[in-house]
Each structure stands twice: as C-alpha cells, then as structure tokens.
Amino acid sequence: MIDIDRLRQLVDLMVEHDLTEVDVSDEDQSITIKRGAGGAFQVFPQTQAHAAQPASGAPAAQGQDAPPAKGSADDGLVPIESPMVGTFYSAPDPDSPEFASAGSSVTADSVVCLVEAMKVFNEIKAEVAGTIERVCVKNGDAVEFGQPLFMVRPA
C-alpha cells in the first residue's frame, strides 16, 4: 500500500526542485512519479516482493480489469483510464453541465472530466475519438491509477 504522506513529501520535493521524474525504492516497494505538462502528476507503484508473474489460473492483479469475455457488450470499446490517483469530477463545478456522459461524442482532445489530486484539478482528455458508451464512476468517487473512467466506442 502506498504511504500517502510519503507520496505528498515526494511531490512537494519535486515541485520545490522543479523535477519531472522521481524513482524511489526500498526493500518492499518501488514508486515512480512523473510530472507532465500543466503540473499533472502520475504515480507508478510497483511492489518488488510480488514482481513475479502470477501462476496460471491466478486472478488478475488488483486494480486491473480482466479482458472482456468473448461476445460481451464491451467488445470493441476503449477505456479512458485515470492517469492518477485522485477524486473524479464530471463537471467543472456543481452548477455546470457534465463534460461528457453516455451518448456524448468525443474527440481525442475533448476534456471528459477532472481528477483532483493534491488540490490540483487535472483535465482528463479522451485521447480517443468516438461515442461514450458508459460512465464507469460517479461524481466525487475516489479513483485509482489506471481505473477505467469511461468506455468509448471508437469512431
């Protein structure tokens, strides 16, 4: 499990020293933090003790969705995943309409939501053109890195 206080300290050090990437490892864990354009942060936790491949028949790692079953309703859908840990917001403020909802058409540059991380609101772009088929999270939900936020049927 990631120590949030340790993560905050690392992010503060990155901002203070204008770093774009930090790798930290100890006996049990390895964490990579990357800061992109606009100050958006991405965290890539890796547990070293469990780095081996799971045995066949073992369940997928937590936080990773299994591929959809053949013939399922998700065939051909592309997920828009959260690039960071934070809080999902479907609109810029409570009085504004949602950025995107089921049935919305999006382009690769369309902003589909905000993810708040450490009091910074990060615009999340679709990065795929198509139609939103499903919204996977609710406004105000906590989201994890790589968690599907939307499912899109590509154009």
N, C-alpha and C. Protein backbone atom coordinates (compact mmCIF):
# COMPACT_ATOMS: atom_id res chain seq x y z
N MET A 1 0.85 -1.18 0.00
CA MET A 1 0.00 0.00 0.00
C MET A 1 0.89 1.24 0.00
N ILE A 2 0.49 2.23 -0.74
CA ILE A 2 1.27 3.46 -0.85
C ILE A 2 1.04 4.33 0.37
N ASP A 3 2.11 4.83 0.95
CA ASP A 3 2.03 5.75 2.08
C ASP A 3 1.77 7.15 1.51
N ILE A 4 0.55 7.66 1.70
CA ILE A 4 0.14 8.93 1.10
C ILE A 4 1.00 10.08 1.61
N ASP A 5 1.35 10.08 2.90
CA ASP A 5 2.19 11.16 3.42
C ASP A 5 3.56 11.16 2.74
N ARG A 6 4.12 9.97 2.52
CA ARG A 6 5.41 9.86 1.83
C ARG A 6 5.28 10.37 0.40
N LEU A 7 4.18 10.01 -0.24
CA LEU A 7 3.92 10.46 -1.61
C LEU A 7 3.82 11.98 -1.67
N ARG A 8 3.11 12.58 -0.73
CA ARG A 8 2.98 14.05 -0.69
C ARG A 8 4.35 14.71 -0.51
N GLN A 9 5.18 14.14 0.34
CA GLN A 9 6.52 14.69 0.55
C GLN A 9 7.33 14.63 -0.75
N LEU A 10 7.23 13.51 -1.47
CA LEU A 10 7.96 13.38 -2.73
C LEU A 10 7.47 14.40 -3.75
N VAL A 11 6.15 14.58 -3.84
CA VAL A 11 5.60 15.56 -4.78
C VAL A 11 6.05 16.96 -4.41
N ASP A 12 6.02 17.30 -3.11
CA ASP A 12 6.49 18.61 -2.67
C ASP A 12 7.95 18.84 -3.05
N LEU A 13 8.78 17.81 -2.88
CA LEU A 13 10.20 17.92 -3.26
C LEU A 13 10.35 18.09 -4.77
N MET A 14 9.52 17.40 -5.54
CA MET A 14 9.57 17.55 -7.00
C MET A 14 9.25 18.99 -7.41
N VAL A 15 8.20 19.55 -6.81
CA VAL A 15 7.81 20.92 -7.14
C VAL A 15 8.90 21.90 -6.69
N GLU A 16 9.39 21.72 -5.47
CA GLU A 16 10.42 22.61 -4.91
C GLU A 16 11.68 22.64 -5.76
N HIS A 17 12.07 21.48 -6.30
CA HIS A 17 13.31 21.39 -7.07
C HIS A 17 13.08 21.30 -8.58
N ASP A 18 11.82 21.53 -9.00
CA ASP A 18 11.45 21.54 -10.42
C ASP A 18 11.89 20.26 -11.13
N LEU A 19 11.61 19.10 -10.50
CA LEU A 19 11.94 17.80 -11.09
C LEU A 19 10.74 17.29 -11.89
N THR A 20 11.01 16.53 -12.95
CA THR A 20 9.92 15.96 -13.74
C THR A 20 9.70 14.48 -13.46
N GLU A 21 10.68 13.81 -12.84
CA GLU A 21 10.53 12.39 -12.54
C GLU A 21 11.36 12.02 -11.32
N VAL A 22 10.76 11.17 -10.46
CA VAL A 22 11.46 10.68 -9.27
C VAL A 22 11.20 9.19 -9.17
N ASP A 23 12.26 8.41 -8.93
CA ASP A 23 12.16 6.97 -8.67
C ASP A 23 12.65 6.73 -7.25
N VAL A 24 11.83 6.05 -6.44
CA VAL A 24 12.20 5.74 -5.06
C VAL A 24 11.96 4.25 -4.84
N SER A 25 12.94 3.57 -4.26
CA SER A 25 12.81 2.15 -3.99
C SER A 25 13.25 1.85 -2.57
N ASP A 26 12.61 0.86 -1.96
CA ASP A 26 13.08 0.31 -0.70
C ASP A 26 12.95 -1.20 -0.81
N GLU A 27 13.03 -1.91 0.29
CA GLU A 27 13.01 -3.37 0.25
C GLU A 27 11.70 -3.93 -0.31
N ASP A 28 10.58 -3.26 -0.04
CA ASP A 28 9.28 -3.79 -0.40
C ASP A 28 8.63 -3.12 -1.60
N GLN A 29 9.00 -1.89 -1.90
CA GLN A 29 8.26 -1.11 -2.87
C GLN A 29 9.17 -0.29 -3.76
N SER A 30 8.68 -0.01 -4.96
CA SER A 30 9.33 0.90 -5.88
C SER A 30 8.26 1.82 -6.41
N ILE A 31 8.48 3.14 -6.35
CA ILE A 31 7.49 4.12 -6.81
C ILE A 31 8.17 5.05 -7.79
N THR A 32 7.51 5.28 -8.92
CA THR A 32 7.96 6.26 -9.90
C THR A 32 6.89 7.33 -10.00
N ILE A 33 7.28 8.59 -9.87
CA ILE A 33 6.36 9.71 -10.00
C ILE A 33 6.85 10.56 -11.16
N LYS A 34 5.93 10.83 -12.09
CA LYS A 34 6.27 11.68 -13.24
C LYS A 34 5.35 12.87 -13.26
N ARG A 35 5.92 14.03 -13.54
CA ARG A 35 5.15 15.25 -13.63
C ARG A 35 5.15 15.69 -15.08
N GLY A 36 3.95 15.85 -15.66
CA GLY A 36 3.83 16.22 -17.06
C GLY A 36 3.50 17.68 -17.22
N ALA A 37 3.09 18.03 -18.43
CA ALA A 37 2.72 19.40 -18.75
C ALA A 37 1.54 19.83 -17.89
N GLY A 38 1.53 21.06 -17.47
CA GLY A 38 0.44 21.59 -16.65
C GLY A 38 0.52 21.14 -15.21
N GLY A 39 1.60 20.48 -14.80
CA GLY A 39 1.77 20.09 -13.41
C GLY A 39 1.06 18.80 -13.03
N ALA A 40 0.51 18.07 -14.01
CA ALA A 40 -0.18 16.81 -13.70
C ALA A 40 0.84 15.77 -13.25
N PHE A 41 0.50 15.03 -12.20
CA PHE A 41 1.40 14.00 -11.66
C PHE A 41 0.85 12.63 -11.98
N GLN A 42 1.74 11.68 -12.23
CA GLN A 42 1.37 10.29 -12.40
C GLN A 42 2.23 9.46 -11.46
N VAL A 43 1.61 8.51 -10.78
CA VAL A 43 2.31 7.65 -9.85
C VAL A 43 2.26 6.22 -10.37
N PHE A 44 3.41 5.56 -10.40
CA PHE A 44 3.52 4.19 -10.88
C PHE A 44 4.07 3.31 -9.77
N PRO A 45 3.19 2.81 -8.87
CA PRO A 45 3.69 1.95 -7.79
C PRO A 45 4.01 0.56 -8.33
N GLN A 46 5.07 -0.02 -7.80
CA GLN A 46 5.46 -1.38 -8.16
C GLN A 46 5.94 -2.07 -6.91
N THR A 47 5.32 -3.18 -6.57
CA THR A 47 5.75 -3.93 -5.41
C THR A 47 6.83 -4.91 -5.85
N GLN A 48 8.02 -4.77 -5.30
CA GLN A 48 9.13 -5.60 -5.71
C GLN A 48 8.98 -7.04 -5.23
N ALA A 49 8.42 -7.24 -4.06
CA ALA A 49 8.31 -8.58 -3.50
C ALA A 49 7.37 -9.46 -4.32
N HIS A 50 6.45 -8.84 -5.07
CA HIS A 50 5.48 -9.60 -5.84
C HIS A 50 5.64 -9.34 -7.33
N ALA A 51 6.84 -9.15 -7.78
CA ALA A 51 7.08 -8.82 -9.17
C ALA A 51 6.97 -10.02 -10.10
N ALA A 52 6.94 -11.22 -9.55
CA ALA A 52 6.85 -12.42 -10.38
C ALA A 52 5.49 -12.50 -11.05
N GLN A 53 5.43 -13.18 -12.18
CA GLN A 53 4.18 -13.37 -12.90
C GLN A 53 3.27 -14.27 -12.07
N PRO A 54 1.94 -13.99 -12.09
CA PRO A 54 1.04 -14.86 -11.35
C PRO A 54 0.96 -16.23 -12.02
N ALA A 55 0.70 -17.24 -11.21
CA ALA A 55 0.56 -18.60 -11.74
C ALA A 55 -0.66 -18.65 -12.63
N SER A 56 -0.65 -19.57 -13.60
CA SER A 56 -1.80 -19.66 -14.50
C SER A 56 -3.03 -20.00 -13.67
N GLY A 57 -4.14 -19.35 -14.02
CA GLY A 57 -5.37 -19.55 -13.28
C GLY A 57 -5.49 -18.61 -12.10
N ALA A 58 -4.42 -17.86 -11.78
CA ALA A 58 -4.48 -16.91 -10.68
C ALA A 58 -5.28 -15.70 -11.11
N PRO A 59 -5.98 -15.05 -10.19
CA PRO A 59 -6.75 -13.87 -10.57
C PRO A 59 -5.83 -12.74 -11.00
N ALA A 60 -6.37 -11.83 -11.80
CA ALA A 60 -5.60 -10.67 -12.25
C ALA A 60 -5.26 -9.82 -11.04
N ALA A 61 -4.18 -9.06 -11.14
CA ALA A 61 -3.76 -8.18 -10.04
C ALA A 61 -4.86 -7.18 -9.73
N GLN A 62 -4.97 -6.79 -8.48
CA GLN A 62 -5.98 -5.85 -8.06
C GLN A 62 -5.82 -4.54 -8.82
N GLY A 63 -6.94 -3.95 -9.25
CA GLY A 63 -6.89 -2.69 -9.98
C GLY A 63 -6.79 -2.90 -11.48
N GLN A 64 -6.60 -4.12 -11.93
CA GLN A 64 -6.55 -4.39 -13.36
C GLN A 64 -7.79 -5.18 -13.74
N ASP A 65 -8.47 -4.72 -14.79
CA ASP A 65 -9.66 -5.42 -15.24
C ASP A 65 -9.25 -6.58 -16.12
N ALA A 66 -9.94 -7.69 -15.97
CA ALA A 66 -9.70 -8.83 -16.86
C ALA A 66 -10.23 -8.45 -18.24
N PRO A 67 -9.66 -8.99 -19.29
CA PRO A 67 -10.19 -8.68 -20.62
C PRO A 67 -11.64 -9.13 -20.72
N PRO A 68 -12.45 -8.40 -21.50
CA PRO A 68 -13.85 -8.78 -21.58
C PRO A 68 -14.02 -10.16 -22.21
N ALA A 69 -15.03 -10.86 -21.76
CA ALA A 69 -15.31 -12.19 -22.31
C ALA A 69 -15.75 -12.04 -23.77
N LYS A 70 -15.45 -13.04 -24.56
CA LYS A 70 -15.79 -13.00 -25.98
C LYS A 70 -17.31 -12.88 -26.11
N GLY A 71 -17.75 -11.95 -26.96
CA GLY A 71 -19.17 -11.76 -27.17
C GLY A 71 -19.82 -10.86 -26.14
N SER A 72 -19.05 -10.26 -25.23
CA SER A 72 -19.63 -9.39 -24.21
C SER A 72 -19.99 -8.04 -24.81
N ALA A 73 -20.73 -7.23 -24.07
CA ALA A 73 -21.16 -5.92 -24.54
C ALA A 73 -19.99 -4.96 -24.67
N ASP A 74 -18.83 -5.26 -24.08
CA ASP A 74 -17.67 -4.38 -24.13
C ASP A 74 -16.79 -4.61 -25.36
N ASP A 75 -17.16 -5.54 -26.23
CA ASP A 75 -16.36 -5.79 -27.43
C ASP A 75 -16.19 -4.50 -28.23
N GLY A 76 -14.96 -4.17 -28.52
CA GLY A 76 -14.66 -3.01 -29.33
C GLY A 76 -14.61 -1.70 -28.56
N LEU A 77 -14.96 -1.70 -27.29
CA LEU A 77 -14.93 -0.46 -26.50
C LEU A 77 -13.51 -0.20 -26.00
N VAL A 78 -13.17 1.08 -25.94
CA VAL A 78 -11.84 1.50 -25.48
C VAL A 78 -12.02 2.25 -24.17
N PRO A 79 -11.28 1.88 -23.12
CA PRO A 79 -11.43 2.61 -21.85
C PRO A 79 -10.67 3.93 -21.86
N ILE A 80 -11.23 4.93 -21.20
CA ILE A 80 -10.49 6.14 -20.85
C ILE A 80 -10.15 5.93 -19.39
N GLU A 81 -8.84 5.79 -19.10
CA GLU A 81 -8.40 5.44 -17.75
C GLU A 81 -7.89 6.66 -17.00
N SER A 82 -7.98 6.58 -15.70
CA SER A 82 -7.46 7.65 -14.86
C SER A 82 -5.93 7.62 -14.89
N PRO A 83 -5.30 8.75 -15.19
CA PRO A 83 -3.84 8.78 -15.22
C PRO A 83 -3.21 8.97 -13.84
N MET A 84 -4.05 9.05 -12.81
CA MET A 84 -3.54 9.30 -11.46
C MET A 84 -4.55 8.89 -10.41
N VAL A 85 -4.11 8.86 -9.18
CA VAL A 85 -4.98 8.64 -8.03
C VAL A 85 -5.59 9.98 -7.66
N GLY A 86 -6.87 10.02 -7.41
CA GLY A 86 -7.50 11.29 -7.05
C GLY A 86 -9.00 11.15 -6.92
N THR A 87 -9.69 12.29 -7.05
CA THR A 87 -11.14 12.34 -6.96
C THR A 87 -11.71 12.74 -8.32
N PHE A 88 -12.68 11.97 -8.81
CA PHE A 88 -13.29 12.18 -10.11
C PHE A 88 -14.38 13.24 -10.02
N TYR A 89 -14.35 14.20 -10.95
CA TYR A 89 -15.42 15.20 -11.06
C TYR A 89 -15.89 15.22 -12.50
N SER A 90 -17.21 15.09 -12.70
CA SER A 90 -17.78 15.03 -14.03
C SER A 90 -18.04 16.41 -14.63
N ALA A 91 -17.94 17.47 -13.82
CA ALA A 91 -18.20 18.84 -14.28
C ALA A 91 -17.21 19.79 -13.62
N PRO A 92 -17.01 20.97 -14.22
CA PRO A 92 -16.06 21.91 -13.64
C PRO A 92 -16.50 22.49 -12.30
N ASP A 93 -17.81 22.55 -12.06
CA ASP A 93 -18.35 22.96 -10.77
C ASP A 93 -19.77 22.40 -10.65
N PRO A 94 -20.35 22.43 -9.45
CA PRO A 94 -21.66 21.78 -9.26
C PRO A 94 -22.78 22.36 -10.12
N ASP A 95 -22.67 23.62 -10.54
CA ASP A 95 -23.74 24.25 -11.31
C ASP A 95 -23.57 24.11 -12.82
N SER A 96 -22.48 23.54 -13.27
CA SER A 96 -22.20 23.40 -14.70
C SER A 96 -22.62 22.02 -15.20
N PRO A 97 -22.87 21.92 -16.52
CA PRO A 97 -23.19 20.60 -17.07
C PRO A 97 -21.96 19.71 -17.08
N GLU A 98 -22.20 18.40 -17.17
CA GLU A 98 -21.10 17.42 -17.21
C GLU A 98 -20.28 17.61 -18.47
N PHE A 99 -18.97 17.33 -18.37
CA PHE A 99 -18.10 17.36 -19.54
C PHE A 99 -18.57 16.34 -20.57
N ALA A 100 -18.87 15.13 -20.12
CA ALA A 100 -19.27 14.03 -21.01
C ALA A 100 -20.17 13.07 -20.24
N SER A 101 -21.11 12.47 -20.97
CA SER A 101 -21.99 11.47 -20.38
C SER A 101 -22.25 10.40 -21.43
N ALA A 102 -22.95 9.35 -21.05
CA ALA A 102 -23.24 8.28 -22.00
C ALA A 102 -23.97 8.88 -23.20
N GLY A 103 -23.47 8.55 -24.40
CA GLY A 103 -24.04 9.08 -25.63
C GLY A 103 -23.31 10.29 -26.18
N SER A 104 -22.42 10.89 -25.39
CA SER A 104 -21.66 12.05 -25.85
C SER A 104 -20.63 11.64 -26.89
N SER A 105 -20.49 12.47 -27.93
CA SER A 105 -19.42 12.27 -28.91
C SER A 105 -18.19 13.01 -28.42
N VAL A 106 -17.03 12.37 -28.53
CA VAL A 106 -15.78 13.00 -28.08
C VAL A 106 -14.72 12.88 -29.17
N THR A 107 -13.79 13.82 -29.14
CA THR A 107 -12.60 13.75 -29.99
C THR A 107 -11.43 13.46 -29.07
N ALA A 108 -10.26 13.23 -29.64
CA ALA A 108 -9.08 12.93 -28.83
C ALA A 108 -8.76 14.06 -27.86
N ASP A 109 -9.10 15.32 -28.25
CA ASP A 109 -8.78 16.47 -27.40
C ASP A 109 -9.91 16.91 -26.49
N SER A 110 -11.03 16.19 -26.49
CA SER A 110 -12.17 16.55 -25.64
C SER A 110 -11.84 16.31 -24.18
N VAL A 111 -12.11 17.30 -23.33
CA VAL A 111 -11.99 17.11 -21.89
C VAL A 111 -13.24 16.36 -21.43
N VAL A 112 -13.04 15.22 -20.77
CA VAL A 112 -14.16 14.39 -20.35
C VAL A 112 -14.46 14.47 -18.85
N CYS A 113 -13.47 14.93 -18.06
CA CYS A 113 -13.67 15.04 -16.63
C CYS A 113 -12.48 15.75 -16.00
N LEU A 114 -12.56 15.92 -14.69
CA LEU A 114 -11.43 16.42 -13.90
C LEU A 114 -11.09 15.35 -12.87
N VAL A 115 -9.80 15.22 -12.58
CA VAL A 115 -9.37 14.39 -11.46
C VAL A 115 -8.55 15.29 -10.56
N GLU A 116 -9.04 15.44 -9.32
CA GLU A 116 -8.34 16.27 -8.34
C GLU A 116 -7.33 15.40 -7.62
N ALA A 117 -6.08 15.86 -7.63
CA ALA A 117 -5.02 15.17 -6.91
C ALA A 117 -4.21 16.22 -6.17
N MET A 118 -4.18 16.11 -4.88
CA MET A 118 -3.41 17.03 -4.03
C MET A 118 -3.80 18.49 -4.29
N LYS A 119 -5.11 18.73 -4.34
CA LYS A 119 -5.70 20.07 -4.51
C LYS A 119 -5.41 20.69 -5.87
N VAL A 120 -5.01 19.87 -6.84
CA VAL A 120 -4.81 20.33 -8.21
C VAL A 120 -5.85 19.62 -9.07
N PHE A 121 -6.62 20.40 -9.83
CA PHE A 121 -7.64 19.84 -10.71
C PHE A 121 -7.01 19.62 -12.09
N ASN A 122 -6.94 18.36 -12.50
CA ASN A 122 -6.31 17.97 -13.76
C ASN A 122 -7.38 17.62 -14.78
N GLU A 123 -7.34 18.30 -15.94
CA GLU A 123 -8.28 17.98 -17.01
C GLU A 123 -7.86 16.66 -17.65
N ILE A 124 -8.81 15.76 -17.81
CA ILE A 124 -8.54 14.47 -18.44
C ILE A 124 -9.17 14.50 -19.83
N LYS A 125 -8.34 14.25 -20.84
CA LYS A 125 -8.81 14.25 -22.22
C LYS A 125 -9.13 12.82 -22.66
N ALA A 126 -10.02 12.72 -23.63
CA ALA A 126 -10.48 11.41 -24.10
C ALA A 126 -9.34 10.61 -24.74
N GLU A 127 -8.49 11.25 -25.50
CA GLU A 127 -7.38 10.61 -26.22
C GLU A 127 -7.87 9.55 -27.21
N VAL A 128 -9.17 9.53 -27.49
CA VAL A 128 -9.75 8.65 -28.50
C VAL A 128 -11.02 9.33 -29.02
N ALA A 129 -11.27 9.23 -30.31
CA ALA A 129 -12.48 9.80 -30.88
C ALA A 129 -13.55 8.72 -30.92
N GLY A 130 -14.78 9.11 -30.58
CA GLY A 130 -15.86 8.15 -30.61
C GLY A 130 -17.04 8.61 -29.78
N THR A 131 -17.83 7.64 -29.31
CA THR A 131 -19.02 7.92 -28.51
C THR A 131 -18.87 7.25 -27.15
N ILE A 132 -19.13 8.01 -26.09
CA ILE A 132 -19.10 7.47 -24.73
C ILE A 132 -20.26 6.48 -24.61
N GLU A 133 -19.95 5.24 -24.34
CA GLU A 133 -20.98 4.21 -24.16
C GLU A 133 -21.38 4.06 -22.69
N ARG A 134 -20.40 4.26 -21.81
CA ARG A 134 -20.68 4.04 -20.38
C ARG A 134 -19.76 4.90 -19.53
N VAL A 135 -20.30 5.47 -18.47
CA VAL A 135 -19.52 6.17 -17.45
C VAL A 135 -19.34 5.17 -16.32
N CYS A 136 -18.09 4.90 -15.96
CA CYS A 136 -17.78 3.82 -15.01
C CYS A 136 -17.70 4.28 -13.55
N VAL A 137 -17.67 5.59 -13.31
CA VAL A 137 -17.56 6.11 -11.94
C VAL A 137 -18.58 7.23 -11.74
N LYS A 138 -18.83 7.54 -10.49
CA LYS A 138 -19.78 8.60 -10.14
C LYS A 138 -19.02 9.84 -9.70
N ASN A 139 -19.67 10.98 -9.86
CA ASN A 139 -19.10 12.25 -9.45
C ASN A 139 -18.70 12.19 -7.97
N GLY A 140 -17.47 12.58 -7.67
CA GLY A 140 -16.98 12.58 -6.29
C GLY A 140 -16.32 11.28 -5.87
N ASP A 141 -16.34 10.26 -6.74
CA ASP A 141 -15.69 8.98 -6.40
C ASP A 141 -14.18 9.10 -6.37
N ALA A 142 -13.55 8.36 -5.48
CA ALA A 142 -12.09 8.23 -5.48
C ALA A 142 -11.73 7.28 -6.61
N VAL A 143 -10.69 7.63 -7.38
CA VAL A 143 -10.25 6.79 -8.48
C VAL A 143 -8.78 6.44 -8.31
N GLU A 144 -8.40 5.31 -8.87
CA GLU A 144 -7.03 4.81 -8.81
C GLU A 144 -6.35 5.00 -10.16
N PHE A 145 -5.04 4.94 -10.17
CA PHE A 145 -4.29 4.99 -11.41
C PHE A 145 -4.70 3.81 -12.29
N GLY A 146 -5.02 4.09 -13.55
CA GLY A 146 -5.37 3.03 -14.49
C GLY A 146 -6.82 2.57 -14.42
N GLN A 147 -7.61 3.10 -13.49
CA GLN A 147 -9.01 2.70 -13.36
C GLN A 147 -9.81 3.25 -14.54
N PRO A 148 -10.63 2.42 -15.20
CA PRO A 148 -11.47 2.93 -16.29
C PRO A 148 -12.48 3.95 -15.77
N LEU A 149 -12.54 5.10 -16.45
CA LEU A 149 -13.50 6.15 -16.10
C LEU A 149 -14.69 6.13 -17.05
N PHE A 150 -14.39 5.90 -18.32
CA PHE A 150 -15.40 5.85 -19.37
C PHE A 150 -15.06 4.70 -20.31
N MET A 151 -16.09 4.19 -21.00
CA MET A 151 -15.88 3.23 -22.08
C MET A 151 -16.37 3.90 -23.35
N VAL A 152 -15.52 3.91 -24.38
CA VAL A 152 -15.80 4.63 -25.61
C VAL A 152 -15.86 3.67 -26.79
N ARG A 153 -16.86 3.84 -27.64
CA ARG A 153 -16.91 3.11 -28.90
C ARG A 153 -16.21 4.00 -29.92
N PRO A 154 -15.02 3.57 -30.38
CA PRO A 154 -14.25 4.40 -31.31
C PRO A 154 -15.02 4.69 -32.59
N ALA A 155 -14.75 5.89 -33.14
CA ALA A 155 -15.43 6.32 -34.38
C ALA A 155 -14.85 5.58 -35.57
